[in-house]
Amino acid sequence: GKGFRGEWFVDLIFSSGNGVAVVDDLWFEHARPGRVMGVDVL
């Protein structure tokens, strides 16, 4: 899915395009901390 603000957008992705690499709990269990644009993220 996508979120648009004017001409700009963010992608909201919950699987690979072929349906194989589905985002599940393990993505979150093994996520790593980072900081992007001043925001603490995983």
PDB file of all heavy atoms in Angstrom:
ATOM      1  N   GLY A   1       0.847  -1.177   0.000  1.00  0.00           N
ATOM      2  CA  GLY A   1       0.000   0.000   0.000  1.00  0.00           C
ATOM      3  C   GLY A   1       0.887   1.232   0.000  1.00  0.00           C
ATOM      4  O   GLY A   1       2.106   1.138   0.160  1.00  0.00           O
ATOM      5  N   LYS A   2       0.277   2.423  -0.141  1.00  0.00           N
ATOM      6  CA  LYS A   2       1.050   3.655  -0.174  1.00  0.00           C
ATOM      7  C   LYS A   2       0.349   4.742   0.619  1.00  0.00           C
ATOM      8  O   LYS A   2      -0.883   4.765   0.732  1.00  0.00           O
ATOM      9  CB  LYS A   2       1.269   4.142  -1.621  1.00  0.00           C
ATOM     10  CG  LYS A   2       2.217   3.284  -2.445  1.00  0.00           C
ATOM     11  CD  LYS A   2       2.392   3.853  -3.829  1.00  0.00           C
ATOM     12  CE  LYS A   2       3.323   2.993  -4.677  1.00  0.00           C
ATOM     13  NZ  LYS A   2       4.729   3.089  -4.249  1.00  0.00           N
ATOM     14  N   GLY A   3       1.164   5.643   1.156  1.00  0.00           N
ATOM     15  CA  GLY A   3       0.655   6.850   1.775  1.00  0.00           C
ATOM     16  C   GLY A   3       1.203   8.054   1.035  1.00  0.00           C
ATOM     17  O   GLY A   3       2.425   8.198   0.903  1.00  0.00           O
ATOM     18  N   PHE A   4       0.322   8.911   0.515  1.00  0.00           N
ATOM     19  CA  PHE A   4       0.721  10.055  -0.299  1.00  0.00           C
ATOM     20  C   PHE A   4       0.521  11.357   0.458  1.00  0.00           C
ATOM     21  O   PHE A   4      -0.496  11.558   1.133  1.00  0.00           O
ATOM     22  CB  PHE A   4      -0.121  10.119  -1.581  1.00  0.00           C
ATOM     23  CG  PHE A   4       0.072   8.962  -2.511  1.00  0.00           C
ATOM     24  CD1 PHE A   4      -0.728   7.833  -2.405  1.00  0.00           C
ATOM     25  CD2 PHE A   4       1.041   9.004  -3.501  1.00  0.00           C
ATOM     26  CE1 PHE A   4      -0.567   6.767  -3.266  1.00  0.00           C
ATOM     27  CE2 PHE A   4       1.200   7.932  -4.375  1.00  0.00           C
ATOM     28  CZ  PHE A   4       0.398   6.818  -4.257  1.00  0.00           C
ATOM     29  N   ARG A   5       1.495  12.230   0.346  1.00  0.00           N
ATOM     30  CA  ARG A   5       1.329  13.619   0.746  1.00  0.00           C
ATOM     31  C   ARG A   5       1.779  14.462  -0.435  1.00  0.00           C
ATOM     32  O   ARG A   5       2.966  14.636  -0.670  1.00  0.00           O
ATOM     33  CB  ARG A   5       2.137  13.974   1.983  1.00  0.00           C
ATOM     34  CG  ARG A   5       1.947  15.440   2.394  1.00  0.00           C
ATOM     35  CD  ARG A   5       2.829  15.836   3.558  1.00  0.00           C
ATOM     36  NE  ARG A   5       2.292  15.326   4.818  1.00  0.00           N
ATOM     37  CZ  ARG A   5       2.917  15.503   5.992  1.00  0.00           C
ATOM     38  NH1 ARG A   5       4.077  16.136   6.042  1.00  0.00           N
ATOM     39  NH2 ARG A   5       2.364  15.038   7.095  1.00  0.00           N
ATOM     40  N   GLY A   6       0.799  14.967  -1.185  1.00  0.00           N
ATOM     41  CA  GLY A   6       1.135  15.685  -2.405  1.00  0.00           C
ATOM     42  C   GLY A   6       1.819  14.757  -3.389  1.00  0.00           C
ATOM     43  O   GLY A   6       1.343  13.662  -3.676  1.00  0.00           O
ATOM     44  N   GLU A   7       2.971  15.175  -3.879  1.00  0.00           N
ATOM     45  CA  GLU A   7       3.709  14.369  -4.855  1.00  0.00           C
ATOM     46  C   GLU A   7       4.609  13.332  -4.206  1.00  0.00           C
ATOM     47  O   GLU A   7       5.223  12.513  -4.893  1.00  0.00           O
ATOM     48  CB  GLU A   7       4.566  15.288  -5.739  1.00  0.00           C
ATOM     49  CG  GLU A   7       5.604  16.082  -4.964  1.00  0.00           C
ATOM     50  CD  GLU A   7       6.344  17.077  -5.837  1.00  0.00           C
ATOM     51  OE1 GLU A   7       7.116  16.625  -6.714  1.00  0.00           O
ATOM     52  OE2 GLU A   7       6.148  18.295  -5.632  1.00  0.00           O
ATOM     53  N   TRP A   8       4.699  13.337  -2.882  1.00  0.00           N
ATOM     54  CA  TRP A   8       5.608  12.433  -2.174  1.00  0.00           C
ATOM     55  C   TRP A   8       4.836  11.281  -1.547  1.00  0.00           C
ATOM     56  O   TRP A   8       3.648  11.398  -1.249  1.00  0.00           O
ATOM     57  CB  TRP A   8       6.384  13.208  -1.116  1.00  0.00           C
ATOM     58  CG  TRP A   8       7.140  14.360  -1.721  1.00  0.00           C
ATOM     59  CD1 TRP A   8       8.089  14.300  -2.704  1.00  0.00           C
ATOM     60  CD2 TRP A   8       6.968  15.746  -1.431  1.00  0.00           C
ATOM     61  NE1 TRP A   8       8.540  15.555  -3.022  1.00  0.00           N
ATOM     62  CE2 TRP A   8       7.867  16.467  -2.261  1.00  0.00           C
ATOM     63  CE3 TRP A   8       6.150  16.462  -0.532  1.00  0.00           C
ATOM     64  CZ2 TRP A   8       7.966  17.857  -2.232  1.00  0.00           C
ATOM     65  CZ3 TRP A   8       6.252  17.839  -0.504  1.00  0.00           C
ATOM     66  CH2 TRP A   8       7.151  18.525  -1.350  1.00  0.00           C
ATOM     67  N   PHE A   9       5.523  10.187  -1.308  1.00  0.00           N
ATOM     68  CA  PHE A   9       4.825   9.022  -0.786  1.00  0.00           C
ATOM     69  C   PHE A   9       5.765   8.130   0.007  1.00  0.00           C
ATOM     70  O   PHE A   9       6.985   8.195  -0.117  1.00  0.00           O
ATOM     71  CB  PHE A   9       4.185   8.223  -1.928  1.00  0.00           C
ATOM     72  CG  PHE A   9       5.152   7.665  -2.933  1.00  0.00           C
ATOM     73  CD1 PHE A   9       5.683   6.391  -2.777  1.00  0.00           C
ATOM     74  CD2 PHE A   9       5.539   8.421  -4.038  1.00  0.00           C
ATOM     75  CE1 PHE A   9       6.568   5.865  -3.702  1.00  0.00           C
ATOM     76  CE2 PHE A   9       6.436   7.906  -4.969  1.00  0.00           C
ATOM     77  CZ  PHE A   9       6.953   6.630  -4.792  1.00  0.00           C
ATOM     78  N   VAL A  10       5.150   7.275   0.825  1.00  0.00           N
ATOM     79  CA  VAL A  10       5.854   6.205   1.526  1.00  0.00           C
ATOM     80  C   VAL A  10       5.185   4.893   1.129  1.00  0.00           C
ATOM     81  O   VAL A  10       3.983   4.845   0.867  1.00  0.00           O
ATOM     82  CB  VAL A  10       5.811   6.390   3.060  1.00  0.00           C
ATOM     83  CG1 VAL A  10       6.522   7.673   3.459  1.00  0.00           C
ATOM     84  CG2 VAL A  10       4.379   6.379   3.588  1.00  0.00           C
ATOM     85  N   ASP A  11       5.991   3.844   1.055  1.00  0.00           N
ATOM     86  CA  ASP A  11       5.474   2.521   0.734  1.00  0.00           C
ATOM     87  C   ASP A  11       5.235   1.740   2.018  1.00  0.00           C
ATOM     88  O   ASP A  11       6.073   1.743   2.925  1.00  0.00           O
ATOM     89  CB  ASP A  11       6.466   1.753  -0.139  1.00  0.00           C
ATOM     90  CG  ASP A  11       6.505   2.261  -1.566  1.00  0.00           C
ATOM     91  OD1 ASP A  11       5.504   2.861  -2.012  1.00  0.00           O
ATOM     92  OD2 ASP A  11       7.532   2.067  -2.234  1.00  0.00           O
ATOM     93  N   LEU A  12       4.114   1.072   2.084  1.00  0.00           N
ATOM     94  CA  LEU A  12       3.782   0.180   3.193  1.00  0.00           C
ATOM     95  C   LEU A  12       3.758  -1.234   2.641  1.00  0.00           C
ATOM     96  O   LEU A  12       2.839  -1.619   1.912  1.00  0.00           O
ATOM     97  CB  LEU A  12       2.427   0.557   3.796  1.00  0.00           C
ATOM     98  CG  LEU A  12       2.300   1.986   4.321  1.00  0.00           C
ATOM     99  CD1 LEU A  12       0.881   2.275   4.756  1.00  0.00           C
ATOM    100  CD2 LEU A  12       3.264   2.224   5.466  1.00  0.00           C
ATOM    101  N   ILE A  13       4.775  -2.025   2.967  1.00  0.00           N
ATOM    102  CA  ILE A  13       5.014  -3.312   2.331  1.00  0.00           C
ATOM    103  C   ILE A  13       4.825  -4.431   3.347  1.00  0.00           C
ATOM    104  O   ILE A  13       5.400  -4.388   4.435  1.00  0.00           O
ATOM    105  CB  ILE A  13       6.444  -3.351   1.747  1.00  0.00           C
ATOM    106  CG1 ILE A  13       6.591  -2.258   0.682  1.00  0.00           C
ATOM    107  CG2 ILE A  13       6.758  -4.726   1.165  1.00  0.00           C
ATOM    108  CD1 ILE A  13       8.023  -2.026   0.223  1.00  0.00           C
ATOM    109  N   PHE A  14       4.027  -5.431   3.009  1.00  0.00           N
ATOM    110  CA  PHE A  14       3.788  -6.535   3.931  1.00  0.00           C
ATOM    111  C   PHE A  14       4.141  -7.890   3.327  1.00  0.00           C
ATOM    112  O   PHE A  14       3.927  -8.933   3.939  1.00  0.00           O
ATOM    113  CB  PHE A  14       2.334  -6.549   4.422  1.00  0.00           C
ATOM    114  CG  PHE A  14       1.293  -6.441   3.334  1.00  0.00           C
ATOM    115  CD1 PHE A  14       0.747  -7.574   2.764  1.00  0.00           C
ATOM    116  CD2 PHE A  14       0.852  -5.200   2.894  1.00  0.00           C
ATOM    117  CE1 PHE A  14      -0.208  -7.486   1.767  1.00  0.00           C
ATOM    118  CE2 PHE A  14      -0.114  -5.093   1.902  1.00  0.00           C
ATOM    119  CZ  PHE A  14      -0.645  -6.231   1.335  1.00  0.00           C
ATOM    120  N   SER A  15       4.706  -7.890   2.130  1.00  0.00           N
ATOM    121  CA  SER A  15       5.155  -9.129   1.500  1.00  0.00           C
ATOM    122  C   SER A  15       6.028  -8.761   0.322  1.00  0.00           C
ATOM    123  O   SER A  15       6.057  -7.602  -0.109  1.00  0.00           O
ATOM    124  CB  SER A  15       3.959  -9.960   1.029  1.00  0.00           C
ATOM    125  OG  SER A  15       4.388 -11.112   0.310  1.00  0.00           O
ATOM    126  N   SER A  16       6.755  -9.735  -0.206  1.00  0.00           N
ATOM    127  CA  SER A  16       7.405  -9.513  -1.493  1.00  0.00           C
ATOM    128  C   SER A  16       6.349  -9.562  -2.588  1.00  0.00           C
ATOM    129  O   SER A  16       5.254 -10.103  -2.394  1.00  0.00           O
ATOM    130  CB  SER A  16       8.478 -10.582  -1.733  1.00  0.00           C
ATOM    131  OG  SER A  16       7.928 -11.879  -1.643  1.00  0.00           O
ATOM    132  N   GLY A  17       6.670  -9.009  -3.736  1.00  0.00           N
ATOM    133  CA  GLY A  17       5.696  -8.947  -4.813  1.00  0.00           C
ATOM    134  C   GLY A  17       5.223 -10.303  -5.292  1.00  0.00           C
ATOM    135  O   GLY A  17       4.114 -10.427  -5.803  1.00  0.00           O
ATOM    136  N   ASN A  18       6.046 -11.341  -5.104  1.00  0.00           N
ATOM    137  CA  ASN A  18       5.640 -12.687  -5.543  1.00  0.00           C
ATOM    138  C   ASN A  18       4.920 -13.463  -4.453  1.00  0.00           C
ATOM    139  O   ASN A  18       4.593 -14.636  -4.630  1.00  0.00           O
ATOM    140  CB  ASN A  18       6.858 -13.480  -6.038  1.00  0.00           C
ATOM    141  CG  ASN A  18       7.889 -13.729  -4.946  1.00  0.00           C
ATOM    142  OD1 ASN A  18       7.696 -13.363  -3.790  1.00  0.00           O
ATOM    143  ND2 ASN A  18       8.999 -14.332  -5.320  1.00  0.00           N
ATOM    144  N   GLY A  19       4.681 -12.834  -3.305  1.00  0.00           N
ATOM    145  CA  GLY A  19       3.928 -13.475  -2.233  1.00  0.00           C
ATOM    146  C   GLY A  19       4.729 -14.418  -1.361  1.00  0.00           C
ATOM    147  O   GLY A  19       4.166 -15.051  -0.464  1.00  0.00           O
ATOM    148  N   VAL A  20       6.049 -14.502  -1.556  1.00  0.00           N
ATOM    149  CA  VAL A  20       6.868 -15.456  -0.825  1.00  0.00           C
ATOM    150  C   VAL A  20       7.354 -14.881   0.506  1.00  0.00           C
ATOM    151  O   VAL A  20       7.159 -15.477   1.572  1.00  0.00           O
ATOM    152  CB  VAL A  20       8.066 -15.918  -1.682  1.00  0.00           C
ATOM    153  CG1 VAL A  20       9.046 -16.725  -0.843  1.00  0.00           C
ATOM    154  CG2 VAL A  20       7.578 -16.739  -2.871  1.00  0.00           C
ATOM    155  N   ALA A  21       8.021 -13.742   0.458  1.00  0.00           N
ATOM    156  CA  ALA A  21       8.673 -13.173   1.648  1.00  0.00           C
ATOM    157  C   ALA A  21       7.685 -12.340   2.461  1.00  0.00           C
ATOM    158  O   ALA A  21       7.771 -11.116   2.544  1.00  0.00           O
ATOM    159  CB  ALA A  21       9.888 -12.339   1.255  1.00  0.00           C
ATOM    160  N   VAL A  22       6.745 -13.017   3.097  1.00  0.00           N
ATOM    161  CA  VAL A  22       5.703 -12.360   3.889  1.00  0.00           C
ATOM    162  C   VAL A  22       6.318 -11.827   5.186  1.00  0.00           C
ATOM    163  O   VAL A  22       7.127 -12.501   5.834  1.00  0.00           O
ATOM    164  CB  VAL A  22       4.576 -13.352   4.205  1.00  0.00           C
ATOM    165  CG1 VAL A  22       3.542 -12.717   5.120  1.00  0.00           C
ATOM    166  CG2 VAL A  22       3.924 -13.832   2.913  1.00  0.00           C
ATOM    167  N   VAL A  23       5.945 -10.626   5.551  1.00  0.00           N
ATOM    168  CA  VAL A  23       6.425 -10.045   6.808  1.00  0.00           C
ATOM    169  C   VAL A  23       5.699 -10.735   7.960  1.00  0.00           C
ATOM    170  O   VAL A  23       4.481 -10.636   8.086  1.00  0.00           O
ATOM    171  CB  VAL A  23       6.190  -8.523   6.850  1.00  0.00           C
ATOM    172  CG1 VAL A  23       6.680  -7.959   8.186  1.00  0.00           C
ATOM    173  CG2 VAL A  23       6.899  -7.837   5.691  1.00  0.00           C
ATOM    174  N   ASP A  24       6.457 -11.438   8.792  1.00  0.00           N
ATOM    175  CA  ASP A  24       5.882 -12.145   9.923  1.00  0.00           C
ATOM    176  C   ASP A  24       6.571 -11.698  11.210  1.00  0.00           C
ATOM    177  O   ASP A  24       7.350 -10.736  11.219  1.00  0.00           O
ATOM    178  CB  ASP A  24       5.990 -13.661   9.727  1.00  0.00           C
ATOM    179  CG  ASP A  24       7.439 -14.128   9.529  1.00  0.00           C
ATOM    180  OD1 ASP A  24       8.376 -13.376   9.881  1.00  0.00           O
ATOM    181  OD2 ASP A  24       7.637 -15.246   9.023  1.00  0.00           O
ATOM    182  N   ASP A  25       6.288 -12.387  12.314  1.00  0.00           N
ATOM    183  CA  ASP A  25       6.819 -11.969  13.609  1.00  0.00           C
ATOM    184  C   ASP A  25       8.336 -12.003  13.665  1.00  0.00           C
ATOM    185  O   ASP A  25       8.950 -11.204  14.385  1.00  0.00           O
ATOM    186  CB  ASP A  25       6.247 -12.856  14.720  1.00  0.00           C
ATOM    187  CG  ASP A  25       4.756 -12.652  14.933  1.00  0.00           C
ATOM    188  OD1 ASP A  25       4.212 -11.673  14.378  1.00  0.00           O
ATOM    189  OD2 ASP A  25       4.133 -13.467  15.637  1.00  0.00           O
ATOM    190  N   LEU A  26       8.959 -12.924  12.926  1.00  0.00           N
ATOM    191  CA  LEU A  26      10.411 -13.032  12.989  1.00  0.00           C
ATOM    192  C   LEU A  26      11.113 -11.793  12.462  1.00  0.00           C
ATOM    193  O   LEU A  26      12.231 -11.476  12.885  1.00  0.00           O
ATOM    194  CB  LEU A  26      10.891 -14.262  12.223  1.00  0.00           C
ATOM    195  CG  LEU A  26      10.626 -15.619  12.871  1.00  0.00           C
ATOM    196  CD1 LEU A  26      11.237 -16.728  12.031  1.00  0.00           C
ATOM    197  CD2 LEU A  26      11.184 -15.665  14.275  1.00  0.00           C
ATOM    198  N   TRP A  27      10.490 -11.084  11.532  1.00  0.00           N
ATOM    199  CA  TRP A  27      11.078  -9.829  11.082  1.00  0.00           C
ATOM    200  C   TRP A  27      11.278  -8.896  12.278  1.00  0.00           C
ATOM    201  O   TRP A  27      12.305  -8.206  12.371  1.00  0.00           O
ATOM    202  CB  TRP A  27      10.172  -9.140  10.066  1.00  0.00           C
ATOM    203  CG  TRP A  27      10.096  -9.750   8.702  1.00  0.00           C
ATOM    204  CD1 TRP A  27       9.532 -10.942   8.365  1.00  0.00           C
ATOM    205  CD2 TRP A  27      10.580  -9.184   7.486  1.00  0.00           C
ATOM    206  NE1 TRP A  27       9.628 -11.145   7.017  1.00  0.00           N
ATOM    207  CE2 TRP A  27      10.254 -10.088   6.445  1.00  0.00           C
ATOM    208  CE3 TRP A  27      11.217  -7.988   7.161  1.00  0.00           C
ATOM    209  CZ2 TRP A  27      10.578  -9.830   5.108  1.00  0.00           C
ATOM    210  CZ3 TRP A  27      11.541  -7.731   5.827  1.00  0.00           C
ATOM    211  CH2 TRP A  27      11.228  -8.643   4.823  1.00  0.00           C
ATOM    212  N   PHE A  28      10.330  -8.891  13.171  1.00  0.00           N
ATOM    213  CA  PHE A  28      10.392  -7.979  14.320  1.00  0.00           C
ATOM    214  C   PHE A  28      11.287  -8.533  15.423  1.00  0.00           C
ATOM    215  O   PHE A  28      11.996  -7.770  16.097  1.00  0.00           O
ATOM    216  CB  PHE A  28       8.982  -7.708  14.842  1.00  0.00           C
ATOM    217  CG  PHE A  28       8.168  -6.851  13.909  1.00  0.00           C
ATOM    218  CD1 PHE A  28       7.484  -7.412  12.832  1.00  0.00           C
ATOM    219  CD2 PHE A  28       8.098  -5.480  14.091  1.00  0.00           C
ATOM    220  CE1 PHE A  28       6.758  -6.628  11.959  1.00  0.00           C
ATOM    221  CE2 PHE A  28       7.373  -4.678  13.220  1.00  0.00           C
ATOM    222  CZ  PHE A  28       6.704  -5.251  12.150  1.00  0.00           C
ATOM    223  N   GLU A  29      11.274  -9.840  15.612  1.00  0.00           N
ATOM    224  CA  GLU A  29      12.112 -10.444  16.643  1.00  0.00           C
ATOM    225  C   GLU A  29      13.594 -10.204  16.374  1.00  0.00           C
ATOM    226  O   GLU A  29      14.394 -10.091  17.307  1.00  0.00           O
ATOM    227  CB  GLU A  29      11.837 -11.948  16.728  1.00  0.00           C
ATOM    228  CG  GLU A  29      10.469 -12.291  17.298  1.00  0.00           C
ATOM    229  CD  GLU A  29      10.225 -13.792  17.291  1.00  0.00           C
ATOM    230  OE1 GLU A  29      11.222 -14.554  17.252  1.00  0.00           O
ATOM    231  OE2 GLU A  29       9.050 -14.199  17.313  1.00  0.00           O
ATOM    232  N   HIS A  30      13.958 -10.109  15.104  1.00  0.00           N
ATOM    233  CA  HIS A  30      15.370  -9.973  14.744  1.00  0.00           C
ATOM    234  C   HIS A  30      15.703  -8.598  14.172  1.00  0.00           C
ATOM    235  O   HIS A  30      16.795  -8.400  13.628  1.00  0.00           O
ATOM    236  CB  HIS A  30      15.748 -11.064  13.749  1.00  0.00           C
ATOM    237  CG  HIS A  30      15.599 -12.441  14.310  1.00  0.00           C
ATOM    238  ND1 HIS A  30      16.540 -13.010  15.139  1.00  0.00           N
ATOM    239  CD2 HIS A  30      14.595 -13.344  14.204  1.00  0.00           C
ATOM    240  CE1 HIS A  30      16.140 -14.215  15.495  1.00  0.00           C
ATOM    241  NE2 HIS A  30      14.959 -14.441  14.942  1.00  0.00           N
ATOM    242  N   ALA A  31      14.789  -7.654  14.306  1.00  0.00           N
ATOM    243  CA  ALA A  31      15.046  -6.292  13.833  1.00  0.00           C
ATOM    244  C   ALA A  31      16.168  -5.655  14.653  1.00  0.00           C
ATOM    245  O   ALA A  31      16.442  -6.055  15.787  1.00  0.00           O
ATOM    246  CB  ALA A  31      13.779  -5.459  13.935  1.00  0.00           C
ATOM    247  N   ARG A  32      16.797  -4.651  14.071  1.00  0.00           N
ATOM    248  CA  ARG A  32      17.919  -3.975  14.720  1.00  0.00           C
ATOM    249  C   ARG A  32      17.592  -2.493  14.892  1.00  0.00           C
ATOM    250  O   ARG A  32      16.986  -1.876  14.010  1.00  0.00           O
ATOM    251  CB  ARG A  32      19.188  -4.160  13.894  1.00  0.00           C
ATOM    252  CG  ARG A  32      19.568  -5.626  13.778  1.00  0.00           C
ATOM    253  CD  ARG A  32      20.757  -5.855  12.859  1.00  0.00           C
ATOM    254  NE  ARG A  32      21.028  -7.290  12.771  1.00  0.00           N
ATOM    255  CZ  ARG A  32      21.801  -7.953  13.633  1.00  0.00           C
ATOM    256  NH1 ARG A  32      22.384  -7.302  14.614  1.00  0.00           N
ATOM    257  NH2 ARG A  32      21.988  -9.253  13.494  1.00  0.00           N
ATOM    258  N   PRO A  33      17.993  -1.913  16.021  1.00  0.00           N
ATOM    259  CA  PRO A  33      17.678  -0.495  16.253  1.00  0.00           C
ATOM    260  C   PRO A  33      18.469   0.411  15.329  1.00  0.00           C
ATOM    261  O   PRO A  33      19.600   0.121  14.942  1.00  0.00           O
ATOM    262  CB  PRO A  33      18.086  -0.290  17.714  1.00  0.00           C
ATOM    263  CG  PRO A  33      19.129  -1.327  17.976  1.00  0.00           C
ATOM    264  CD  PRO A  33      18.727  -2.513  17.147  1.00  0.00           C
ATOM    265  N   GLY A  34      17.860   1.507  14.949  1.00  0.00           N
ATOM    266  CA  GLY A  34      18.516   2.509  14.118  1.00  0.00           C
ATOM    267  C   GLY A  34      17.866   3.860  14.326  1.00  0.00           C
ATOM    268  O   GLY A  34      16.899   3.995  15.093  1.00  0.00           O
ATOM    269  N   ARG A  35      18.405   4.842  13.648  1.00  0.00           N
ATOM    270  CA  ARG A  35      17.836   6.185  13.730  1.00  0.00           C
ATOM    271  C   ARG A  35      17.774   6.743  12.315  1.00  0.00           C
ATOM    272  O   ARG A  35      18.807   6.878  11.650  1.00  0.00           O
ATOM    273  CB  ARG A  35      18.665   7.083  14.640  1.00  0.00           C
ATOM    274  CG  ARG A  35      17.994   8.413  14.951  1.00  0.00           C
ATOM    275  CD  ARG A  35      18.711   9.144  16.093  1.00  0.00           C
ATOM    276  NE  ARG A  35      18.128  10.440  16.361  1.00  0.00           N
ATOM    277  CZ  ARG A  35      17.067  10.652  17.118  1.00  0.00           C
ATOM    278  NH1 ARG A  35      16.460   9.612  17.689  1.00  0.00           N
ATOM    279  NH2 ARG A  35      16.582  11.864  17.313  1.00  0.00           N
ATOM    280  N   VAL A  36      16.585   7.058  11.864  1.00  0.00           N
ATOM    281  CA  VAL A  36      16.360   7.533  10.505  1.00  0.00           C
ATOM    282  C   VAL A  36      15.632   8.861  10.565  1.00  0.00           C
ATOM    283  O   VAL A  36      14.562   8.967  11.169  1.00  0.00           O
ATOM    284  CB  VAL A  36      15.545   6.495   9.688  1.00  0.00           C
ATOM    285  CG1 VAL A  36      15.201   7.056   8.310  1.00  0.00           C
ATOM    286  CG2 VAL A  36      16.318   5.198   9.553  1.00  0.00           C
ATOM    287  N   MET A  37      16.225   9.892   9.982  1.00  0.00           N
ATOM    288  CA  MET A  37      15.631  11.232   9.948  1.00  0.00           C
ATOM    289  C   MET A  37      15.215  11.697  11.337  1.00  0.00           C
ATOM    290  O   MET A  37      14.136  12.264  11.530  1.00  0.00           O
ATOM    291  CB  MET A  37      14.456  11.264   8.966  1.00  0.00           C
ATOM    292  CG  MET A  37      14.908  11.154   7.515  1.00  0.00           C
ATOM    293  SD  MET A  37      13.553  11.096   6.330  1.00  0.00           S
ATOM    294  CE  MET A  37      12.914   9.458   6.657  1.00  0.00           C
ATOM    295  N   GLY A  38      16.068  11.425  12.318  1.00  0.00           N
ATOM    296  CA  GLY A  38      15.831  11.888  13.672  1.00  0.00           C
ATOM    297  C   GLY A  38      14.847  11.071  14.466  1.00  0.00           C
ATOM    298  O   GLY A  38      14.504  11.444  15.590  1.00  0.00           O
ATOM    299  N   VAL A  39      14.396   9.959  13.922  1.00  0.00           N
ATOM    300  CA  VAL A  39      13.407   9.118  14.598  1.00  0.00           C
ATOM    301  C   VAL A  39      14.057   7.776  14.937  1.00  0.00           C
ATOM    302  O   VAL A  39      14.692   7.152  14.082  1.00  0.00           O
ATOM    303  CB  VAL A  39      12.169   8.890  13.713  1.00  0.00           C
ATOM    304  CG1 VAL A  39      11.134   8.050  14.452  1.00  0.00           C
ATOM    305  CG2 VAL A  39      11.571  10.222  13.267  1.00  0.00           C
ATOM    306  N   ASP A  40      13.910   7.343  16.178  1.00  0.00           N
ATOM    307  CA  ASP A  40      14.391   6.016  16.564  1.00  0.00           C
ATOM    308  C   ASP A  40      13.474   4.962  15.951  1.00  0.00           C
ATOM    309  O   ASP A  40      12.255   4.988  16.172  1.00  0.00           O
ATOM    310  CB  ASP A  40      14.406   5.873  18.086  1.00  0.00           C
ATOM    311  CG  ASP A  40      15.486   6.737  18.737  1.00  0.00           C
ATOM    312  OD1 ASP A  40      16.545   6.923  18.117  1.00  0.00           O
ATOM    313  OD2 ASP A  40      15.247   7.242  19.850  1.00  0.00           O
ATOM    314  N   VAL A  41      14.061   4.044  15.194  1.00  0.00           N
ATOM    315  CA  VAL A  41      13.274   3.065  14.444  1.00  0.00           C
ATOM    316  C   VAL A  41      13.877   1.680  14.626  1.00  0.00           C
ATOM    317  O   VAL A  41      14.961   1.510  15.198  1.00  0.00           O
ATOM    318  CB  VAL A  41      13.237   3.419  12.943  1.00  0.00           C
ATOM    319  CG1 VAL A  41      12.622   4.786  12.712  1.00  0.00           C
ATOM    320  CG2 VAL A  41      14.645   3.350  12.332  1.00  0.00           C
ATOM    321  N   LEU A  42      13.168   0.694  14.109  1.00  0.00           N
ATOM    322  CA  LEU A  42      13.700  -0.651  13.959  1.00  0.00           C
ATOM    323  C   LEU A  42      13.975  -0.884  12.480  1.00  0.00           C
ATOM    324  O   LEU A  42      13.136  -0.574  11.627  1.00  0.00           O
ATOM    325  CB  LEU A  42      12.704  -1.688  14.475  1.00  0.00           C
ATOM    326  CG  LEU A  42      12.497  -1.744  15.987  1.00  0.00           C
ATOM    327  CD1 LEU A  42      11.387  -2.741  16.326  1.00  0.00           C
ATOM    328  CD2 LEU A  42      13.789  -2.130  16.711  1.00  0.00           C
TER     329      LEU A  42
END
